[in-house]
């Protein structure tokens, strides 16, 4: 897959990163390289993705989901930083180098819209 961007959804007061990707073999993959390309090539797709994540728990009686970073999709470079950072934290957790509640991720977004 080709990583295009990321959306920071808040779930139980924690950041739940939602990656936006495209299959590298998809016929559109050469035209879509970053999050801004998604709106250009697939108008309305980012809005649809965000609204789906906002509402998908509502039928189960849960409230609408909230988003950090002013509800913006961040670009591919930001998404790759999130991927590397969370992988490094996961690897340290698996090695017993950190305790589960002591993860400190610099890209942890807050509901105030800061990363």
Foldseek 3Di string as FASTA:
>chain_A
DAWAWWWFWADPQWTDIDTDDDDCPDPCNVQGHYPVSCCVVPPPPLVVVLVCQQCVCVVVVDHGIATAQVRDTGMRVVVVLVVVQVVVQVVCVVVVVDPPVPRDGPPTTGSHRDD
